[in-house]
């Protein structure tokens, strides 16, 4: 995996994927970058990231990162932008994970916003979060209102099938996802 950035403003112009065969040389890579973005090969810096490294895995999972520079050379990767994100967790406070799709029976859902340690509830978080969910027929959002980092809501529906929240198991908005919650609605 290569990361290519402009030396002038340190902006990232290209992050290649993991190479399963032999990766191209840096010279070939830079020639292709110049063809695509212009300038000269000397305008760019390249960081070679070991394809089997934790850094490559985290980048492949779309973790937020910044580059560490020493002069005109990229010397490393800093994942603070990702690891400083708050976590969000979901849970079912009901005794059931299946309800009738009759728009009367409900599941009680809960959610907590956690600090970046992934354990401590952020009792300063007082806001709403639109959580992307997968419904039996489409994708949409479910709004959770948080007071002191905690939220609960009653969910009922007349649509049968499986529901998953959040729809992305890694992150959404500016949150890292602690877990996904799946529940079902059935016709009786």
C-alpha atoms as a PDB file:
ATOM      1  CA  UNK A   1       0.000   0.000   0.000  1.00  0.00           C
ATOM      2  CA  UNK A   2       1.245   3.457  -0.868  1.00  0.00           C
ATOM      3  CA  UNK A   3       0.151   6.866   0.369  1.00  0.00           C
ATOM      4  CA  UNK A   4       1.065   9.773  -1.891  1.00  0.00           C
ATOM      5  CA  UNK A   5       0.838  13.389  -0.730  1.00  0.00           C
ATOM      6  CA  UNK A   6       1.747  16.803  -2.077  1.00  0.00           C
ATOM      7  CA  UNK A   7       4.836  18.176  -0.424  1.00  0.00           C
ATOM      8  CA  UNK A   8       3.654  21.798  -0.775  1.00  0.00           C
ATOM      9  CA  UNK A   9       0.504  21.492   1.354  1.00  0.00           C
ATOM     10  CA  UNK A  10       0.792  17.933   2.752  1.00  0.00           C
ATOM     11  CA  UNK A  11      -2.565  16.978   1.206  1.00  0.00           C
ATOM     12  CA  UNK A  12      -3.112  13.312   0.428  1.00  0.00           C
ATOM     13  CA  UNK A  13      -3.701  12.718  -3.273  1.00  0.00           C
ATOM     14  CA  UNK A  14      -3.771   8.920  -3.410  1.00  0.00           C
ATOM     15  CA  UNK A  15      -4.039   5.924  -1.125  1.00  0.00           C
ATOM     16  CA  UNK A  16      -3.582   2.723  -3.053  1.00  0.00           C
ATOM     17  CA  UNK A  17      -5.159  -0.507  -1.971  1.00  0.00           C
ATOM     18  CA  UNK A  18      -3.328  -3.522  -0.669  1.00  0.00           C
ATOM     19  CA  UNK A  19      -1.267  -5.177  -3.392  1.00  0.00           C
ATOM     20  CA  UNK A  20      -1.754  -8.928  -3.672  1.00  0.00           C
ATOM     21  CA  UNK A  21       0.941  -9.186  -6.303  1.00  0.00           C
ATOM     22  CA  UNK A  22       4.204  -7.284  -6.443  1.00  0.00           C
ATOM     23  CA  UNK A  23       3.495  -3.553  -6.020  1.00  0.00           C
ATOM     24  CA  UNK A  24       4.763  -1.105  -8.629  1.00  0.00           C
ATOM     25  CA  UNK A  25       7.994   0.732  -7.923  1.00  0.00           C
ATOM     26  CA  UNK A  26       7.766   4.204  -6.406  1.00  0.00           C
ATOM     27  CA  UNK A  27       9.044   5.631  -9.713  1.00  0.00           C
ATOM     28  CA  UNK A  28       6.213   4.032 -11.695  1.00  0.00           C
ATOM     29  CA  UNK A  29       3.734   5.119  -9.029  1.00  0.00           C
ATOM     30  CA  UNK A  30       4.974   8.730  -9.139  1.00  0.00           C
ATOM     31  CA  UNK A  31       4.911   8.775 -12.953  1.00  0.00           C
ATOM     32  CA  UNK A  32       1.252   7.729 -12.817  1.00  0.00           C
ATOM     33  CA  UNK A  33       0.505  10.350 -10.127  1.00  0.00           C
ATOM     34  CA  UNK A  34       2.035  13.089 -12.298  1.00  0.00           C
ATOM     35  CA  UNK A  35      -0.070  11.928 -15.261  1.00  0.00           C
ATOM     36  CA  UNK A  36      -3.225  12.012 -13.117  1.00  0.00           C
ATOM     37  CA  UNK A  37      -2.625  15.117 -10.972  1.00  0.00           C
ATOM     38  CA  UNK A  38       0.039  17.109 -12.833  1.00  0.00           C
ATOM     39  CA  UNK A  39       3.241  18.666 -11.560  1.00  0.00           C
ATOM     40  CA  UNK A  40       6.548  16.877 -11.291  1.00  0.00           C
ATOM     41  CA  UNK A  41       7.566  13.743  -9.394  1.00  0.00           C
ATOM     42  CA  UNK A  42       9.498  15.951  -6.948  1.00  0.00           C
ATOM     43  CA  UNK A  43       6.211  17.624  -5.928  1.00  0.00           C
ATOM     44  CA  UNK A  44       5.066  14.463  -4.164  1.00  0.00           C
ATOM     45  CA  UNK A  45       6.150  12.350  -1.206  1.00  0.00           C
ATOM     46  CA  UNK A  46       5.412   8.638  -0.929  1.00  0.00           C
ATOM     47  CA  UNK A  47       4.976   6.462   2.146  1.00  0.00           C
ATOM     48  CA  UNK A  48       5.181   2.717   1.597  1.00  0.00           C
ATOM     49  CA  UNK A  49       2.915   0.960   4.120  1.00  0.00           C
ATOM     50  CA  UNK A  50       3.488  -2.753   4.646  1.00  0.00           C
ATOM     51  CA  UNK A  51       0.414  -4.497   3.209  1.00  0.00           C
ATOM     52  CA  UNK A  52       0.276  -6.888   6.179  1.00  0.00           C
ATOM     53  CA  UNK A  53       0.624  -4.187   8.842  1.00  0.00           C
ATOM     54  CA  UNK A  54      -1.982  -2.971  11.311  1.00  0.00           C
ATOM     55  CA  UNK A  55      -1.719   0.462   9.668  1.00  0.00           C
ATOM     56  CA  UNK A  56      -2.698  -0.995   6.277  1.00  0.00           C
ATOM     57  CA  UNK A  57      -5.625  -2.853   7.844  1.00  0.00           C
ATOM     58  CA  UNK A  58      -6.883   0.288   9.591  1.00  0.00           C
ATOM     59  CA  UNK A  59      -6.541   2.365   6.419  1.00  0.00           C
ATOM     60  CA  UNK A  60      -8.408  -0.354   4.479  1.00  0.00           C
ATOM     61  CA  UNK A  61     -11.221  -0.038   7.038  1.00  0.00           C
ATOM     62  CA  UNK A  62     -11.396   3.717   6.282  1.00  0.00           C
ATOM     63  CA  UNK A  63      -9.962   4.863   9.599  1.00  0.00           C
ATOM     64  CA  UNK A  64      -9.316   8.601   9.730  1.00  0.00           C
ATOM     65  CA  UNK A  65      -5.629   9.493   9.824  1.00  0.00           C
ATOM     66  CA  UNK A  66      -3.087  12.229   9.232  1.00  0.00           C
ATOM     67  CA  UNK A  67       0.444  11.943   7.981  1.00  0.00           C
ATOM     68  CA  UNK A  68       3.518  12.633  10.075  1.00  0.00           C
ATOM     69  CA  UNK A  69       6.079  14.743   8.229  1.00  0.00           C
ATOM     70  CA  UNK A  70       9.742  15.560   8.718  1.00  0.00           C
ATOM     71  CA  UNK A  71      10.577  18.257   6.209  1.00  0.00           C
ATOM     72  CA  UNK A  72       9.560  16.945   2.793  1.00  0.00           C
ATOM     73  CA  UNK A  73       9.391  13.318   3.909  1.00  0.00           C
ATOM     74  CA  UNK A  74       6.405  11.371   5.234  1.00  0.00           C
ATOM     75  CA  UNK A  75       7.689   9.468   8.252  1.00  0.00           C
ATOM     76  CA  UNK A  76       4.519   7.829   9.560  1.00  0.00           C
ATOM     77  CA  UNK A  77       0.783   7.757  10.116  1.00  0.00           C
ATOM     78  CA  UNK A  78      -1.167   9.193  13.052  1.00  0.00           C
ATOM     79  CA  UNK A  79      -4.571   7.651  13.791  1.00  0.00           C
ATOM     80  CA  UNK A  80      -5.499  10.122  16.545  1.00  0.00           C
ATOM     81  CA  UNK A  81      -8.294  11.507  14.341  1.00  0.00           C
ATOM     82  CA  UNK A  82      -9.905   8.058  14.541  1.00  0.00           C
ATOM     83  CA  UNK A  83      -9.023   6.939  18.042  1.00  0.00           C
ATOM     84  CA  UNK A  84     -10.252  10.246  19.515  1.00  0.00           C
ATOM     85  CA  UNK A  85     -13.755   9.654  18.140  1.00  0.00           C
ATOM     86  CA  UNK A  86     -16.539   8.872  20.555  1.00  0.00           C
ATOM     87  CA  UNK A  87     -18.179   5.466  20.516  1.00  0.00           C
ATOM     88  CA  UNK A  88     -21.869   4.691  20.260  1.00  0.00           C
ATOM     89  CA  UNK A  89     -23.438   1.478  21.547  1.00  0.00           C
ATOM     90  CA  UNK A  90     -26.938   0.065  21.151  1.00  0.00           C
ATOM     91  CA  UNK A  91     -28.927  -2.372  23.230  1.00  0.00           C
ATOM     92  CA  UNK A  92     -32.364  -3.852  23.551  1.00  0.00           C
ATOM     93  CA  UNK A  93     -33.905  -3.173  26.971  1.00  0.00           C
ATOM     94  CA  UNK A  94     -36.870  -5.454  26.243  1.00  0.00           C
ATOM     95  CA  UNK A  95     -37.135  -9.131  27.030  1.00  0.00           C
ATOM     96  CA  UNK A  96     -37.704  -9.836  23.362  1.00  0.00           C
ATOM     97  CA  UNK A  97     -35.888  -9.468  20.065  1.00  0.00           C
ATOM     98  CA  UNK A  98     -38.959 -10.165  17.938  1.00  0.00           C
ATOM     99  CA  UNK A  99     -42.220  -8.231  17.854  1.00  0.00           C
ATOM    100  CA  UNK A 100     -45.412  -8.568  15.900  1.00  0.00           C
ATOM    101  CA  UNK A 101     -45.647  -6.246  12.920  1.00  0.00           C
ATOM    102  CA  UNK A 102     -48.943  -4.827  14.166  1.00  0.00           C
ATOM    103  CA  UNK A 103     -47.857  -1.251  15.034  1.00  0.00           C
ATOM    104  CA  UNK A 104     -48.775  -1.914  18.692  1.00  0.00           C
ATOM    105  CA  UNK A 105     -46.168  -4.284  20.129  1.00  0.00           C
ATOM    106  CA  UNK A 106     -42.877  -2.514  20.844  1.00  0.00           C
ATOM    107  CA  UNK A 107     -39.207  -3.151  21.472  1.00  0.00           C
ATOM    108  CA  UNK A 108     -37.449  -0.782  23.843  1.00  0.00           C
ATOM    109  CA  UNK A 109     -34.151   0.356  22.375  1.00  0.00           C
ATOM    110  CA  UNK A 110     -31.323   2.049  24.205  1.00  0.00           C
ATOM    111  CA  UNK A 111     -28.137   3.780  23.135  1.00  0.00           C
ATOM    112  CA  UNK A 112     -25.155   5.320  24.888  1.00  0.00           C
ATOM    113  CA  UNK A 113     -22.530   7.734  23.633  1.00  0.00           C
ATOM    114  CA  UNK A 114     -19.199   6.720  25.098  1.00  0.00           C
ATOM    115  CA  UNK A 115     -15.936   8.602  25.419  1.00  0.00           C
ATOM    116  CA  UNK A 116     -13.011   7.587  23.229  1.00  0.00           C
ATOM    117  CA  UNK A 117     -12.075   4.875  25.751  1.00  0.00           C
ATOM    118  CA  UNK A 118     -15.182   2.974  24.596  1.00  0.00           C
ATOM    119  CA  UNK A 119     -16.262   2.351  28.194  1.00  0.00           C
ATOM    120  CA  UNK A 120     -17.284   5.585  29.923  1.00  0.00           C
ATOM    121  CA  UNK A 121     -20.646   7.219  29.136  1.00  0.00           C
ATOM    122  CA  UNK A 122     -20.148  10.787  27.952  1.00  0.00           C
ATOM    123  CA  UNK A 123     -22.446  12.570  30.401  1.00  0.00           C
ATOM    124  CA  UNK A 124     -21.827  15.894  28.612  1.00  0.00           C
ATOM    125  CA  UNK A 125     -23.431  14.672  25.380  1.00  0.00           C
ATOM    126  CA  UNK A 126     -26.884  16.258  25.021  1.00  0.00           C
ATOM    127  CA  UNK A 127     -27.931  16.141  21.397  1.00  0.00           C
ATOM    128  CA  UNK A 128     -29.695  13.990  18.839  1.00  0.00           C
ATOM    129  CA  UNK A 129     -28.093  11.494  16.501  1.00  0.00           C
ATOM    130  CA  UNK A 130     -29.632  10.278  13.266  1.00  0.00           C
ATOM    131  CA  UNK A 131     -28.602   6.631  13.154  1.00  0.00           C
ATOM    132  CA  UNK A 132     -28.514   4.923   9.749  1.00  0.00           C
ATOM    133  CA  UNK A 133     -30.591   1.742   9.849  1.00  0.00           C
ATOM    134  CA  UNK A 134     -31.359  -1.077   7.490  1.00  0.00           C
ATOM    135  CA  UNK A 135     -35.056  -1.874   7.337  1.00  0.00           C
ATOM    136  CA  UNK A 136     -36.658  -4.926   5.703  1.00  0.00           C
ATOM    137  CA  UNK A 137     -37.079  -2.979   2.472  1.00  0.00           C
ATOM    138  CA  UNK A 138     -34.656  -0.036   2.418  1.00  0.00           C
ATOM    139  CA  UNK A 139     -32.227   2.094   4.393  1.00  0.00           C
ATOM    140  CA  UNK A 140     -33.235   5.128   6.408  1.00  0.00           C
ATOM    141  CA  UNK A 141     -32.458   6.896   9.679  1.00  0.00           C
ATOM    142  CA  UNK A 142     -33.761   6.551  13.225  1.00  0.00           C
ATOM    143  CA  UNK A 143     -33.366   9.584  15.485  1.00  0.00           C
ATOM    144  CA  UNK A 144     -32.115   9.090  19.031  1.00  0.00           C
ATOM    145  CA  UNK A 145     -32.255  11.967  21.526  1.00  0.00           C
ATOM    146  CA  UNK A 146     -29.464  11.825  24.111  1.00  0.00           C
ATOM    147  CA  UNK A 147     -29.459  13.334  27.583  1.00  0.00           C
ATOM    148  CA  UNK A 148     -26.193  12.970  29.469  1.00  0.00           C
ATOM    149  CA  UNK A 149     -25.015  10.421  26.904  1.00  0.00           C
ATOM    150  CA  UNK A 150     -28.038   8.128  27.223  1.00  0.00           C
ATOM    151  CA  UNK A 151     -31.046   7.579  24.993  1.00  0.00           C
ATOM    152  CA  UNK A 152     -34.009   5.226  24.915  1.00  0.00           C
ATOM    153  CA  UNK A 153     -36.913   4.842  22.578  1.00  0.00           C
ATOM    154  CA  UNK A 154     -39.816   2.588  21.915  1.00  0.00           C
ATOM    155  CA  UNK A 155     -39.924   1.026  18.469  1.00  0.00           C
ATOM    156  CA  UNK A 156     -42.974  -0.459  16.799  1.00  0.00           C
ATOM    157  CA  UNK A 157     -43.826  -1.097  13.183  1.00  0.00           C
ATOM    158  CA  UNK A 158     -46.344  -2.625  10.821  1.00  0.00           C
ATOM    159  CA  UNK A 159     -43.613  -3.773   8.441  1.00  0.00           C
ATOM    160  CA  UNK A 160     -42.328  -7.319   8.869  1.00  0.00           C
ATOM    161  CA  UNK A 161     -38.710  -8.423   8.475  1.00  0.00           C
ATOM    162  CA  UNK A 162     -35.280  -7.801   9.955  1.00  0.00           C
ATOM    163  CA  UNK A 163     -34.049  -4.421  11.196  1.00  0.00           C
ATOM    164  CA  UNK A 164     -30.396  -3.535  11.853  1.00  0.00           C
ATOM    165  CA  UNK A 165     -28.972  -0.449  13.506  1.00  0.00           C
ATOM    166  CA  UNK A 166     -26.680   1.099  12.714  1.00  0.00           C
ATOM    167  CA  UNK A 167     -26.418  -0.123   9.141  1.00  0.00           C
ATOM    168  CA  UNK A 168     -22.634   0.451   9.162  1.00  0.00           C
ATOM    169  CA  UNK A 169     -20.839  -1.789  11.635  1.00  0.00           C
ATOM    170  CA  UNK A 170     -17.668   0.331  11.888  1.00  0.00           C
ATOM    171  CA  UNK A 171     -18.617   4.001  12.037  1.00  0.00           C
ATOM    172  CA  UNK A 172     -21.085   6.651  11.009  1.00  0.00           C
ATOM    173  CA  UNK A 173     -21.129  10.420  11.299  1.00  0.00           C
ATOM    174  CA  UNK A 174     -18.295  11.039  13.737  1.00  0.00           C
ATOM    175  CA  UNK A 175     -18.852   7.939  15.892  1.00  0.00           C
ATOM    176  CA  UNK A 176     -17.124   4.615  16.119  1.00  0.00           C
ATOM    177  CA  UNK A 177     -19.671   1.795  16.446  1.00  0.00           C
ATOM    178  CA  UNK A 178     -19.370  -0.464  19.478  1.00  0.00           C
ATOM    179  CA  UNK A 179     -21.981  -2.935  18.237  1.00  0.00           C
ATOM    180  CA  UNK A 180     -24.880  -3.470  15.873  1.00  0.00           C
ATOM    181  CA  UNK A 181     -28.350  -4.394  17.053  1.00  0.00           C
ATOM    182  CA  UNK A 182     -30.629  -6.645  15.008  1.00  0.00           C
ATOM    183  CA  UNK A 183     -34.273  -7.369  15.748  1.00  0.00           C
ATOM    184  CA  UNK A 184     -37.224  -8.809  13.876  1.00  0.00           C
ATOM    185  CA  UNK A 185     -40.870  -8.024  13.277  1.00  0.00           C
ATOM    186  CA  UNK A 186     -43.135 -10.865  12.229  1.00  0.00           C
ATOM    187  CA  UNK A 187     -46.701 -11.426  11.069  1.00  0.00           C
ATOM    188  CA  UNK A 188     -48.686 -13.484  13.513  1.00  0.00           C
END
